[in-house]
Amino acid sequence: MPTVRLEARPPRDGGALAVVLHTHMPYVEGFGTWPFGEEWLWEAMAGCYLPLLDLLDAGAPLTLSLTPVLCDQLQAPGVAERFGSFVGEVRRYTHDEDAKGLRASGHETLAREVERSWGDYERALARLTERGVDLVRSLARHAQWTSSATHAVLPLLATDAGVGAQLQGGVEAHRARFGAASWLGGFWLPECAYAPWLAPALAEAGVHATCVELTGRFGLGAREHLRPLASESGVTLVPIDRATMELVWSDEGYPAGGSYRDYHKHTVHHHNPWGNDGEAYDHERAAALAKAQAADFVARTRERLRRAGDGLPGGGLAVCALDTELLGHWWYEGIIWLEAVVEECSRQGLELVRLDDALTRLEPAPLGNGEEWEASSWGQDGDLSTWSGPKVAELAFATRVAELQVVAAGSEAGPAAVRELLALQASDWAFMLSRGLAVPYARERFEGHRQALERALAEGPEANEGGLRNLAAYANPAALLVP
């Protein structure tokens, strides 16, 4: 378990860093195995969620956002057993087979690396067993922010009822799992997608704060990204700081370092014994680079706050928001880097603060005329085109039509139709198609939910909803089933 050193406590007028981890997985539990489906969840558990828990338990002041749809999967019946089978049977076998194949081909160093990496899975399974196999319960004391019920891009929904159902479903799921007192009103907008007209709906749902992407409005590196804003509805809008985030999350960011493990070059069974530089992966060398880049990240963030935060309340707040799965899963050394960032903040005198704590002491700046703002996201070009552009326009329109059909049907639609609609509204299918990721799987999932919704509408309130397993376990169908 990491031993995080947090001795140094800098003065509060020197600026602060908040690392917000948006933790999400498309609903894959029960929908496919290899190469697309449940395996994504098992890999994220082994490489990201369980190692991250060690860091959180050690006291790292990070802001953890958990989507309800991820928790739905982690709490689904039989998940711990299937994860155990995946590790103990599938991954044990594939590591052995790939190591044998590499050794037979004369690649002894690569074979030893495959054997070393098997230990990651062994440790992950041991961690889960030690925690009583309930990962959500282990995350409970760290869960601060929630999100919409099934990760829908809210500005693209067709009706107020649809927005309300996603918001209410997300908030109620968090309260039911973690207790009402655990939630201070922090809400992660899926894909960071915001439009001014959402603010009243957010406020009505009890949301006090949300993160927004405003680089297109203020420009990269502008000081406006370092201070929260107050919407007219009372919801605090917290700009994410793209200048800080791009040190990590960009084509030239830290994960592109040559010593790091190459995610894309793999063996027959998708193990990764090569580095980005094409050489055999050396874990000690990669870990040393991660720690050096953590020191660089903290130094650059301190300098950004010193230059741009001067005169702002508290010296400014830099919010570095990342998909949690980047760390440990996509970027193998990401958890090592994050642990080192926590320690470097103490060493270099940069305050690392949970976002909820920062917002209790920072007065948000008044917001101008919100009606002039365009919808924004952290997607391509900072707008909504990743989920509504030409490549996925058919999906966007079909989803809106489906929502209108369910709302129009009212109580005649039934719970099965509502849950299929919630599954259809997930941002993941359009994202995968836009980015060319697992395209056949994304199309299959979208079309499957669309057809299931049509059947549920035809069958009425008594339609069978068993096909969705544990998805939207706490959603309230009445939010959409208006008489």
Protein backbone atom coordinates (compact mmCIF):
# COMPACT_ATOMS: atom_id res chain seq x y z
CA MET A 1 0.00 0.00 0.00
CA PRO A 2 1.33 3.50 -0.85
CA THR A 3 2.65 5.63 1.98
CA VAL A 4 1.68 9.17 1.06
CA ARG A 5 3.63 11.94 2.77
CA LEU A 6 1.58 15.07 3.44
CA GLU A 7 3.58 16.89 6.09
CA ALA A 8 3.94 20.29 4.44
CA ARG A 9 0.93 22.61 4.63
CA PRO A 10 1.41 25.74 2.51
CA PRO A 11 -0.44 28.98 3.19
CA ARG A 12 -3.86 29.23 1.59
CA ASP A 13 -3.09 32.37 -0.39
CA GLY A 14 -0.58 30.61 -2.67
CA GLY A 15 -3.10 28.92 -4.94
CA ALA A 16 -4.27 25.31 -4.87
CA LEU A 17 -4.60 22.27 -7.10
CA ALA A 18 -7.69 20.04 -7.18
CA VAL A 19 -7.35 16.70 -8.98
CA VAL A 20 -10.82 15.53 -9.99
CA LEU A 21 -11.07 11.89 -11.05
CA HIS A 22 -14.10 11.15 -13.19
CA THR A 23 -14.64 7.41 -12.76
CA HIS A 24 -16.81 5.81 -15.42
CA MET A 25 -17.24 2.66 -17.48
CA PRO A 26 -19.83 2.01 -20.20
CA TYR A 27 -22.40 -0.55 -19.11
CA VAL A 28 -20.61 -3.68 -20.33
CA GLU A 29 -21.46 -6.08 -17.48
CA GLY A 30 -23.35 -8.93 -19.10
CA PHE A 31 -22.87 -7.59 -22.65
CA GLY A 32 -20.02 -9.42 -24.39
CA THR A 33 -16.67 -10.76 -23.21
CA TRP A 34 -13.62 -10.67 -25.53
CA PRO A 35 -12.49 -8.54 -27.32
CA PHE A 36 -15.27 -6.10 -26.36
CA GLY A 37 -17.44 -6.16 -23.29
CA GLU A 38 -16.98 -7.29 -19.72
CA GLU A 39 -13.22 -7.61 -20.11
CA TRP A 40 -13.00 -3.79 -20.08
CA LEU A 41 -14.52 -3.74 -16.59
CA TRP A 42 -12.24 -6.48 -15.27
CA GLU A 43 -9.14 -4.75 -16.67
CA ALA A 44 -10.15 -1.40 -15.15
CA MET A 45 -10.74 -3.06 -11.78
CA ALA A 46 -7.34 -4.75 -11.85
CA GLY A 47 -5.25 -1.93 -13.29
CA CYS A 48 -7.00 1.17 -11.99
CA TYR A 49 -9.75 0.99 -9.36
CA LEU A 50 -8.12 -1.37 -6.87
CA PRO A 51 -4.65 0.25 -6.99
CA LEU A 52 -6.27 3.70 -6.73
CA LEU A 53 -8.09 2.60 -3.59
CA ASP A 54 -4.73 2.01 -1.91
CA LEU A 55 -3.78 5.62 -2.61
CA LEU A 56 -7.12 6.98 -1.42
CA ASP A 57 -7.03 4.90 1.74
CA ALA A 58 -3.57 6.29 2.45
CA GLY A 59 -5.13 9.76 2.71
CA ALA A 60 -4.55 11.37 -0.69
CA PRO A 61 -6.85 14.45 -0.91
CA LEU A 62 -8.30 13.68 -4.33
CA THR A 63 -11.82 14.35 -5.59
CA LEU A 64 -13.51 11.14 -6.67
CA SER A 65 -16.51 11.23 -8.97
CA LEU A 66 -18.25 7.88 -9.40
CA THR A 67 -20.88 7.45 -12.09
CA PRO A 68 -23.99 5.51 -11.09
CA VAL A 69 -23.60 3.29 -14.16
CA LEU A 70 -20.16 2.16 -12.97
CA CYS A 71 -21.50 1.42 -9.50
CA ASP A 72 -24.41 -0.48 -11.07
CA GLN A 73 -21.88 -2.83 -12.63
CA LEU A 74 -19.64 -3.17 -9.59
CA GLN A 75 -22.67 -4.16 -7.51
CA ALA A 76 -24.24 -6.51 -10.03
CA PRO A 77 -24.77 -10.08 -8.78
CA GLY A 78 -21.82 -12.34 -9.46
CA VAL A 79 -19.34 -9.62 -10.43
CA ALA A 80 -16.71 -10.57 -7.86
CA GLU A 81 -16.90 -14.23 -8.87
CA ARG A 82 -16.59 -13.43 -12.60
CA PHE A 83 -13.67 -11.10 -11.91
CA GLY A 84 -12.01 -13.88 -9.94
CA SER A 85 -12.51 -16.30 -12.82
CA PHE A 86 -11.15 -13.78 -15.30
CA VAL A 87 -7.98 -13.30 -13.26
CA GLY A 88 -7.44 -16.84 -12.03
CA GLU A 89 -8.36 -18.65 -15.22
CA VAL A 90 -8.24 -16.34 -18.26
CA ARG A 91 -5.36 -14.05 -17.34
CA ARG A 92 -3.31 -16.75 -15.66
CA TYR A 93 -3.58 -18.82 -18.83
CA THR A 94 -2.92 -15.97 -21.30
CA HIS A 95 0.17 -14.77 -19.43
CA ASP A 96 1.57 -18.31 -19.42
CA GLU A 97 0.83 -18.83 -23.11
CA ASP A 98 2.32 -15.52 -24.24
CA ALA A 99 5.43 -15.97 -22.10
CA LYS A 100 5.96 -19.44 -23.60
CA GLY A 101 5.48 -18.12 -27.13
CA LEU A 102 7.90 -15.23 -26.67
CA ARG A 103 10.51 -17.47 -25.06
CA ALA A 104 10.23 -20.01 -27.86
CA SER A 105 10.81 -17.19 -30.35
CA GLY A 106 13.99 -16.11 -28.59
CA HIS A 107 12.51 -13.07 -26.78
CA GLU A 108 13.53 -13.89 -23.22
CA THR A 109 13.34 -10.29 -21.93
CA LEU A 110 9.80 -9.85 -23.28
CA ALA A 111 8.78 -13.20 -21.79
CA ARG A 112 10.05 -12.17 -18.35
CA GLU A 113 8.09 -8.91 -18.58
CA VAL A 114 4.86 -10.78 -19.36
CA GLU A 115 5.52 -12.97 -16.33
CA ARG A 116 6.21 -9.93 -14.15
CA SER A 117 2.99 -8.23 -15.23
CA TRP A 118 0.97 -11.27 -14.11
CA GLY A 119 1.68 -10.10 -10.57
CA ASP A 120 -0.55 -7.05 -11.16
CA TYR A 121 -3.57 -9.32 -11.51
CA GLU A 122 -2.60 -11.50 -8.56
CA ARG A 123 -2.32 -8.43 -6.33
CA ALA A 124 -5.61 -7.01 -7.60
CA LEU A 125 -7.48 -10.21 -6.79
CA ALA A 126 -5.87 -10.33 -3.34
CA ARG A 127 -6.87 -6.69 -2.74
CA LEU A 128 -10.48 -7.39 -3.64
CA THR A 129 -10.60 -10.46 -1.44
CA GLU A 130 -9.13 -8.55 1.51
CA ARG A 131 -11.79 -5.86 1.07
CA GLY A 132 -14.64 -8.35 1.26
CA VAL A 133 -15.20 -8.40 -2.55
CA ASP A 134 -17.50 -5.35 -2.39
CA LEU A 135 -15.60 -2.67 -4.29
CA VAL A 136 -18.38 -0.07 -4.04
CA ARG A 137 -18.40 -0.34 -0.25
CA SER A 138 -14.63 0.12 -0.25
CA LEU A 139 -15.01 3.25 -2.37
CA ALA A 140 -17.81 4.62 -0.20
CA ARG A 141 -15.80 6.88 2.10
CA HIS A 142 -14.03 8.45 -0.88
CA ALA A 143 -17.08 8.95 -3.14
CA GLN A 144 -17.86 12.68 -3.24
CA TRP A 145 -19.36 13.53 -6.63
CA THR A 146 -22.02 11.74 -8.64
CA SER A 147 -23.18 12.00 -12.24
CA SER A 148 -26.28 11.36 -14.36
CA ALA A 149 -28.02 7.99 -14.22
CA THR A 150 -26.50 6.50 -17.39
CA HIS A 151 -23.94 9.11 -18.48
CA ALA A 152 -26.16 10.95 -20.95
CA VAL A 153 -24.97 14.16 -22.63
CA LEU A 154 -27.62 16.31 -20.99
CA PRO A 155 -27.68 19.26 -23.46
CA LEU A 156 -28.61 16.80 -26.23
CA LEU A 157 -31.69 15.39 -24.50
CA ALA A 158 -35.05 16.29 -25.98
CA THR A 159 -37.21 17.09 -22.95
CA ASP A 160 -37.11 18.57 -19.48
CA ALA A 161 -38.50 15.27 -18.21
CA GLY A 162 -35.59 13.41 -19.80
CA VAL A 163 -33.04 15.72 -18.18
CA GLY A 164 -34.82 15.45 -14.85
CA ALA A 165 -34.85 11.65 -14.95
CA GLN A 166 -31.10 11.50 -15.62
CA LEU A 167 -30.35 14.03 -12.86
CA GLN A 168 -32.70 12.53 -10.30
CA GLY A 169 -31.54 9.00 -11.07
CA GLY A 170 -27.91 9.96 -10.54
CA VAL A 171 -28.46 11.85 -7.30
CA GLU A 172 -30.73 9.22 -5.78
CA ALA A 173 -28.33 6.42 -6.72
CA HIS A 174 -25.49 8.18 -4.88
CA ARG A 175 -27.60 8.86 -1.79
CA ALA A 176 -28.89 5.30 -1.68
CA ARG A 177 -25.41 3.80 -1.96
CA PHE A 178 -23.34 6.19 0.12
CA GLY A 179 -25.81 8.02 2.35
CA ALA A 180 -27.33 11.47 2.01
CA ALA A 181 -24.63 13.04 4.19
CA SER A 182 -21.89 11.87 1.81
CA TRP A 183 -23.07 14.18 -0.98
CA LEU A 184 -22.43 17.92 -0.77
CA GLY A 185 -23.96 18.67 -4.14
CA GLY A 186 -21.03 17.95 -6.48
CA PHE A 187 -22.22 16.68 -9.87
CA TRP A 188 -20.04 15.67 -12.78
CA LEU A 189 -21.72 16.52 -16.07
CA PRO A 190 -21.08 13.60 -18.44
CA GLU A 191 -18.46 14.61 -20.99
CA CYS A 192 -18.32 17.93 -19.13
CA ALA A 193 -21.22 18.94 -21.40
CA TYR A 194 -22.93 22.12 -20.23
CA ALA A 195 -25.43 24.60 -21.63
CA PRO A 196 -26.78 27.62 -19.69
CA TRP A 197 -30.35 26.32 -19.73
CA LEU A 198 -29.26 23.32 -17.64
CA ALA A 199 -28.51 25.43 -14.54
CA PRO A 200 -32.11 25.61 -13.21
CA ALA A 201 -32.56 21.83 -13.64
CA LEU A 202 -29.28 21.20 -11.83
CA ALA A 203 -30.33 23.47 -8.97
CA GLU A 204 -33.73 21.75 -8.71
CA ALA A 205 -31.94 18.39 -8.40
CA GLY A 206 -29.91 19.70 -5.45
CA VAL A 207 -26.66 20.25 -7.36
CA HIS A 208 -24.41 22.91 -5.82
CA ALA A 209 -21.37 22.63 -8.07
CA THR A 210 -20.33 21.20 -11.41
CA CYS A 211 -17.26 21.34 -13.64
CA VAL A 212 -17.37 23.09 -17.02
CA GLU A 213 -15.02 23.36 -20.00
CA LEU A 214 -14.68 27.03 -21.01
CA THR A 215 -11.45 27.02 -23.01
CA GLY A 216 -13.36 28.01 -26.13
CA ARG A 217 -14.81 31.02 -24.32
CA PHE A 218 -11.78 32.35 -22.44
CA GLY A 219 -8.83 30.83 -24.31
CA LEU A 220 -6.18 28.33 -23.25
CA GLY A 221 -4.32 29.45 -20.12
CA ALA A 222 -6.61 32.37 -19.27
CA ARG A 223 -6.79 33.30 -15.60
CA GLU A 224 -10.60 32.97 -15.74
CA HIS A 225 -10.12 29.20 -15.57
CA LEU A 226 -8.72 29.55 -12.05
CA ARG A 227 -11.84 30.88 -10.31
CA PRO A 228 -15.32 29.36 -9.83
CA LEU A 229 -18.30 31.16 -11.32
CA ALA A 230 -21.77 31.69 -9.83
CA SER A 231 -24.71 30.96 -12.13
CA GLU A 232 -27.97 32.82 -11.66
CA SER A 233 -29.56 29.59 -10.40
CA GLY A 234 -27.04 29.33 -7.59
CA VAL A 235 -25.05 26.43 -9.07
CA THR A 236 -21.30 27.04 -8.90
CA LEU A 237 -19.60 26.43 -12.23
CA VAL A 238 -16.00 25.30 -11.77
CA PRO A 239 -13.84 25.70 -14.89
CA ILE A 240 -11.45 22.85 -15.55
CA ASP A 241 -7.97 24.11 -16.38
CA ARG A 242 -7.03 22.79 -19.80
CA ALA A 243 -3.52 24.27 -19.54
CA THR A 244 -2.85 22.06 -16.52
CA MET A 245 -4.66 19.02 -17.87
CA GLU A 246 -2.81 19.01 -21.20
CA LEU A 247 0.45 18.34 -19.41
CA VAL A 248 -1.08 14.90 -18.88
CA TRP A 249 -3.91 14.44 -21.33
CA SER A 250 -2.81 15.38 -24.84
CA ASP A 251 -0.93 13.81 -27.74
CA GLU A 252 2.33 15.20 -26.38
CA GLY A 253 1.44 14.70 -22.71
CA TYR A 254 3.35 12.67 -20.15
CA PRO A 255 1.92 9.24 -21.15
CA ALA A 256 3.67 9.57 -24.53
CA GLY A 257 7.07 9.18 -22.82
CA GLY A 258 9.27 6.62 -24.55
CA SER A 259 9.95 4.55 -21.40
CA TYR A 260 6.26 3.97 -20.67
CA ARG A 261 4.46 0.78 -21.55
CA ASP A 262 2.96 0.85 -25.04
CA TYR A 263 -0.79 0.30 -24.69
CA HIS A 264 -1.29 -0.33 -28.41
CA LYS A 265 1.45 -2.88 -29.18
CA HIS A 266 0.50 -6.24 -27.78
CA THR A 267 1.01 -9.97 -27.85
CA VAL A 268 -1.47 -12.55 -29.11
CA HIS A 269 -3.50 -12.32 -25.88
CA HIS A 270 -3.21 -8.53 -25.58
CA HIS A 271 -0.36 -8.22 -23.09
CA ASN A 272 2.05 -5.32 -23.48
CA PRO A 273 5.74 -6.11 -22.92
CA TRP A 274 7.04 -3.25 -25.09
CA GLY A 275 7.72 0.39 -24.30
CA ASN A 276 6.60 3.35 -26.39
CA ASP A 277 10.16 3.51 -27.72
CA GLY A 278 9.85 0.01 -29.18
CA GLU A 279 12.26 -1.55 -26.71
CA ALA A 280 11.42 -4.22 -24.14
CA TYR A 281 9.52 -2.58 -21.30
CA ASP A 282 11.56 -1.79 -18.17
CA HIS A 283 9.24 -1.14 -15.25
CA GLU A 284 11.85 0.46 -12.98
CA ARG A 285 12.90 2.89 -15.70
CA ALA A 286 9.25 3.78 -16.40
CA ALA A 287 8.49 4.31 -12.70
CA ALA A 288 11.46 6.68 -12.42
CA LEU A 289 10.13 8.69 -15.36
CA ALA A 290 6.66 8.86 -13.79
CA LYS A 291 8.10 10.30 -10.59
CA ALA A 292 10.20 12.85 -12.50
CA GLN A 293 7.18 13.95 -14.50
CA ALA A 294 5.12 14.26 -11.32
CA ALA A 295 7.73 16.72 -10.01
CA ASP A 296 7.54 18.58 -13.32
CA PHE A 297 3.72 18.68 -13.19
CA VAL A 298 3.65 20.18 -9.71
CA ALA A 299 6.36 22.73 -10.57
CA ARG A 300 4.50 23.84 -13.70
CA THR A 301 1.19 24.06 -11.85
CA ARG A 302 2.79 26.19 -9.12
CA GLU A 303 4.22 28.49 -11.78
CA ARG A 304 0.86 28.76 -13.56
CA LEU A 305 -0.85 29.72 -10.31
CA ARG A 306 1.91 32.20 -9.50
CA ARG A 307 1.58 33.94 -12.86
CA ALA A 308 -2.16 33.74 -13.55
CA GLY A 309 -3.56 33.42 -10.03
CA ASP A 310 -2.12 36.65 -8.68
CA GLY A 311 -4.98 38.75 -7.29
CA LEU A 312 -7.52 35.93 -7.39
CA PRO A 313 -9.12 34.74 -4.12
CA GLY A 314 -6.79 32.26 -2.45
CA GLY A 315 -4.31 32.67 -5.27
CA GLY A 316 -6.49 30.73 -7.72
CA LEU A 317 -7.66 27.15 -8.05
CA ALA A 318 -6.33 24.91 -10.84
CA VAL A 319 -8.71 22.00 -11.49
CA CYS A 320 -7.06 19.07 -13.25
CA ALA A 321 -9.89 16.77 -14.28
CA LEU A 322 -9.02 13.36 -15.70
CA ASP A 323 -10.82 10.18 -16.62
CA THR A 324 -9.79 7.88 -13.78
CA GLU A 325 -9.30 4.99 -16.21
CA LEU A 326 -6.42 6.88 -17.83
CA LEU A 327 -4.45 6.11 -14.69
CA GLY A 328 -3.25 2.53 -14.44
CA HIS A 329 -5.42 1.22 -17.26
CA TRP A 330 -4.67 3.28 -20.40
CA TRP A 331 -1.50 4.79 -18.92
CA TYR A 332 0.02 1.85 -17.07
CA GLU A 333 2.23 4.03 -14.84
CA GLY A 334 -0.51 6.57 -14.13
CA ILE A 335 -1.13 5.54 -10.51
CA ILE A 336 2.61 5.79 -9.81
CA TRP A 337 2.55 9.29 -11.30
CA LEU A 338 -0.50 10.29 -9.24
CA GLU A 339 1.00 9.03 -5.99
CA ALA A 340 4.16 10.99 -6.77
CA VAL A 341 2.09 14.12 -7.50
CA VAL A 342 0.54 13.89 -4.04
CA GLU A 343 3.98 13.66 -2.45
CA GLU A 344 5.45 16.39 -4.67
CA CYS A 345 2.68 18.80 -3.68
CA SER A 346 3.80 18.45 -0.08
CA ARG A 347 7.47 18.67 -0.99
CA GLN A 348 7.13 21.71 -3.25
CA GLY A 349 4.58 23.54 -1.13
CA LEU A 350 1.55 23.37 -3.43
CA GLU A 351 -1.75 22.81 -1.65
CA LEU A 352 -3.60 19.78 -2.96
CA VAL A 353 -7.25 20.08 -1.98
CA ARG A 354 -10.50 18.22 -2.48
CA LEU A 355 -12.79 20.29 -4.65
CA ASP A 356 -15.64 20.40 -2.13
CA ASP A 357 -13.24 21.77 0.49
CA ALA A 358 -11.90 24.41 -1.89
CA LEU A 359 -15.41 25.62 -2.75
CA THR A 360 -16.29 26.22 0.90
CA ARG A 361 -13.68 28.98 1.11
CA LEU A 362 -13.73 30.49 -2.38
CA GLU A 363 -16.26 33.13 -3.36
CA PRO A 364 -17.34 32.46 -6.96
CA ALA A 365 -17.21 35.32 -9.41
CA PRO A 366 -20.53 36.66 -10.73
CA LEU A 367 -21.43 35.20 -14.09
CA GLY A 368 -22.30 37.39 -17.05
CA ASN A 369 -25.32 36.86 -19.24
CA GLY A 370 -25.44 33.06 -19.45
CA GLU A 371 -27.82 33.17 -22.41
CA GLU A 372 -24.91 34.26 -24.61
CA TRP A 373 -22.92 31.14 -23.83
CA GLU A 374 -22.79 28.28 -26.28
CA ALA A 375 -22.96 24.66 -25.20
CA SER A 376 -19.53 23.30 -24.37
CA SER A 377 -17.86 19.99 -23.49
CA TRP A 378 -14.41 18.50 -23.18
CA GLY A 379 -14.93 16.69 -26.47
CA GLN A 380 -13.47 17.47 -29.88
CA ASP A 381 -13.36 21.25 -30.51
CA GLY A 382 -14.92 21.91 -27.10
CA ASP A 383 -18.49 21.58 -28.41
CA LEU A 384 -21.04 18.74 -28.63
CA SER A 385 -20.04 17.47 -32.08
CA THR A 386 -18.40 14.31 -30.75
CA TRP A 387 -21.91 13.13 -29.79
CA SER A 388 -23.99 14.91 -32.45
CA GLY A 389 -21.75 15.52 -35.49
CA PRO A 390 -22.10 13.93 -38.95
CA LYS A 391 -20.57 10.59 -37.92
CA VAL A 392 -23.16 10.06 -35.20
CA ALA A 393 -26.07 12.32 -36.19
CA GLU A 394 -28.25 9.27 -36.83
CA LEU A 395 -27.71 8.10 -33.24
CA ALA A 396 -28.39 11.55 -31.81
CA PHE A 397 -31.69 11.91 -33.67
CA ALA A 398 -32.77 8.33 -32.94
CA THR A 399 -32.14 8.87 -29.23
CA ARG A 400 -34.21 12.07 -29.18
CA VAL A 401 -37.05 10.36 -31.06
CA ALA A 402 -36.99 7.50 -28.56
CA GLU A 403 -37.15 9.92 -25.65
CA LEU A 404 -40.13 11.73 -27.16
CA GLN A 405 -41.89 8.41 -27.71
CA VAL A 406 -41.45 7.35 -24.10
CA VAL A 407 -42.53 10.71 -22.71
CA ALA A 408 -45.55 10.77 -25.04
CA ALA A 409 -46.56 7.25 -23.97
CA GLY A 410 -46.61 8.32 -20.33
CA SER A 411 -47.57 5.58 -17.89
CA GLU A 412 -48.31 3.27 -20.82
CA ALA A 413 -44.57 3.01 -21.49
CA GLY A 414 -43.61 1.09 -18.36
CA PRO A 415 -40.34 0.63 -16.46
CA ALA A 416 -38.71 -1.59 -19.12
CA ALA A 417 -39.10 1.11 -21.77
CA VAL A 418 -37.66 3.75 -19.43
CA ARG A 419 -34.61 1.66 -18.59
CA GLU A 420 -33.96 0.87 -22.26
CA LEU A 421 -34.19 4.59 -22.99
CA LEU A 422 -31.69 5.33 -20.24
CA ALA A 423 -29.35 2.73 -21.76
CA LEU A 424 -29.79 4.26 -25.21
CA GLN A 425 -28.97 7.75 -23.91
CA ALA A 426 -25.48 6.77 -22.68
CA SER A 427 -22.80 8.95 -24.28
CA ASP A 428 -20.49 5.97 -24.79
CA TRP A 429 -21.94 4.59 -28.03
CA ALA A 430 -21.63 7.86 -29.95
CA PHE A 431 -18.18 8.50 -28.49
CA MET A 432 -16.89 5.13 -29.67
CA LEU A 433 -18.28 5.67 -33.16
CA SER A 434 -16.88 9.20 -33.41
CA ARG A 435 -13.44 8.04 -32.33
CA GLY A 436 -13.47 4.78 -34.29
CA LEU A 437 -13.20 2.65 -31.13
CA ALA A 438 -14.84 -0.79 -31.06
CA VAL A 439 -17.26 0.39 -33.74
CA PRO A 440 -19.09 -2.94 -34.29
CA TYR A 441 -19.68 -3.30 -30.55
CA ALA A 442 -20.96 0.27 -30.20
CA ARG A 443 -23.37 -0.15 -33.10
CA GLU A 444 -24.56 -3.51 -31.78
CA ARG A 445 -25.21 -2.06 -28.32
CA PHE A 446 -27.05 1.00 -29.60
CA GLU A 447 -29.22 -0.94 -32.01
CA GLY A 448 -29.92 -3.60 -29.41
CA HIS A 449 -31.23 -1.08 -26.91
CA ARG A 450 -33.23 0.74 -29.59
CA GLN A 451 -34.98 -2.46 -30.65
CA ALA A 452 -35.57 -3.51 -27.05
CA LEU A 453 -37.16 -0.11 -26.40
CA GLU A 454 -39.51 -0.57 -29.35
CA ARG A 455 -40.57 -3.98 -28.02
CA ALA A 456 -41.09 -2.59 -24.52
CA LEU A 457 -43.28 0.23 -25.85
CA ALA A 458 -45.34 -2.28 -27.86
CA GLU A 459 -45.80 -4.58 -24.85
CA GLY A 460 -46.65 -1.80 -22.43
CA PRO A 461 -46.16 -1.56 -18.65
CA GLU A 462 -45.84 -5.34 -18.20
CA ALA A 463 -42.86 -5.67 -20.55
CA ASN A 464 -40.01 -7.80 -19.20
CA GLU A 465 -37.00 -5.69 -18.14
CA GLY A 466 -34.66 -8.54 -17.21
CA GLY A 467 -32.30 -7.99 -20.16
CA LEU A 468 -30.73 -4.92 -18.58
CA ARG A 469 -29.49 -6.76 -15.52
CA ASN A 470 -28.42 -4.16 -12.94
CA LEU A 471 -28.43 -1.00 -15.09
CA ALA A 472 -30.00 2.09 -13.48
CA ALA A 473 -30.74 0.13 -10.34
CA TYR A 474 -31.95 3.22 -8.46
CA ALA A 475 -33.67 5.08 -11.30
CA ASN A 476 -37.28 6.06 -10.71
CA PRO A 477 -39.38 5.35 -13.84
CA ALA A 478 -42.04 7.77 -12.58
CA ALA A 479 -39.73 10.66 -13.45
CA LEU A 480 -40.52 10.03 -17.13
CA LEU A 481 -43.86 8.25 -16.93
CA VAL A 482 -46.06 11.30 -16.76
CA PRO A 483 -49.77 10.47 -17.17
